[in-house]
Amino acid sequence: MGQQSNKIEKRRRRAAYLERLKTRAKEAAVKPKARRVKKTATAS
């Protein structure tokens, strides 16, 4: 039972991670200049 639930958790985590990657890729493709501004803003 533990093994099965771990598999499910892994799958969910991976799905969420992939979603984040997709959204980041979209943002980068749409506005590359804005991305640089964001980086400096979040750093400061």
C-alpha atoms as a PDB file:
ATOM      1  CA  MET A   1       0.000   0.000   0.000  1.00  0.00           C
ATOM      2  CA  GLY A   2       2.786   2.418   0.904  1.00  0.00           C
ATOM      3  CA  GLN A   3       4.544   1.809  -2.397  1.00  0.00           C
ATOM      4  CA  GLN A   4       1.406   2.509  -4.386  1.00  0.00           C
ATOM      5  CA  SER A   5       0.667   5.774  -2.571  1.00  0.00           C
ATOM      6  CA  ASN A   6       4.285   6.869  -3.084  1.00  0.00           C
ATOM      7  CA  LYS A   7       3.902   6.286  -6.820  1.00  0.00           C
ATOM      8  CA  ILE A   8       0.759   8.430  -6.859  1.00  0.00           C
ATOM      9  CA  GLU A   9       2.462  11.211  -4.908  1.00  0.00           C
ATOM     10  CA  LYS A  10       5.431  11.133  -7.261  1.00  0.00           C
ATOM     11  CA  ARG A  11       3.136  11.370 -10.266  1.00  0.00           C
ATOM     12  CA  ARG A  12       1.268  14.345  -8.762  1.00  0.00           C
ATOM     13  CA  ARG A  13       4.495  16.142  -7.891  1.00  0.00           C
ATOM     14  CA  ARG A  14       5.894  15.537 -11.372  1.00  0.00           C
ATOM     15  CA  ALA A  15       2.674  16.762 -13.013  1.00  0.00           C
ATOM     16  CA  ALA A  16       2.761  19.971 -10.955  1.00  0.00           C
ATOM     17  CA  TYR A  17       6.444  20.458 -11.803  1.00  0.00           C
ATOM     18  CA  LEU A  18       5.795  20.005 -15.526  1.00  0.00           C
ATOM     19  CA  GLU A  19       2.919  22.497 -15.349  1.00  0.00           C
ATOM     20  CA  ARG A  20       5.245  25.073 -13.803  1.00  0.00           C
ATOM     21  CA  LEU A  21       7.837  24.454 -16.515  1.00  0.00           C
ATOM     22  CA  LYS A  22       5.201  24.923 -19.222  1.00  0.00           C
ATOM     23  CA  THR A  23       3.991  28.222 -17.798  1.00  0.00           C
ATOM     24  CA  ARG A  24       7.577  29.496 -17.446  1.00  0.00           C
ATOM     25  CA  ALA A  25       8.398  28.477 -21.023  1.00  0.00           C
ATOM     26  CA  LYS A  26       5.286  30.277 -22.287  1.00  0.00           C
ATOM     27  CA  GLU A  27       6.191  33.462 -20.412  1.00  0.00           C
ATOM     28  CA  ALA A  28       9.763  33.331 -21.731  1.00  0.00           C
ATOM     29  CA  ALA A  29       8.564  32.835 -25.316  1.00  0.00           C
ATOM     30  CA  VAL A  30       5.983  35.627 -25.127  1.00  0.00           C
ATOM     31  CA  LYS A  31       8.146  38.306 -23.492  1.00  0.00           C
ATOM     32  CA  PRO A  32      11.904  37.646 -23.126  1.00  0.00           C
ATOM     33  CA  LYS A  33      12.640  41.259 -22.109  1.00  0.00           C
ATOM     34  CA  ALA A  34      10.062  41.202 -19.316  1.00  0.00           C
ATOM     35  CA  ARG A  35      11.629  38.048 -17.908  1.00  0.00           C
ATOM     36  CA  ARG A  36      14.930  39.840 -17.263  1.00  0.00           C
ATOM     37  CA  VAL A  37      13.091  42.649 -15.484  1.00  0.00           C
ATOM     38  CA  LYS A  38      11.295  40.119 -13.298  1.00  0.00           C
ATOM     39  CA  LYS A  39      14.580  38.492 -12.275  1.00  0.00           C
ATOM     40  CA  THR A  40      16.043  41.806 -11.101  1.00  0.00           C
ATOM     41  CA  ALA A  41      12.799  42.712  -9.341  1.00  0.00           C
ATOM     42  CA  THR A  42      12.586  39.415  -7.446  1.00  0.00           C
ATOM     43  CA  ALA A  43      16.279  39.570  -6.516  1.00  0.00           C
ATOM     44  CA  SER A  44      16.032  43.056  -4.976  1.00  0.00           C
END
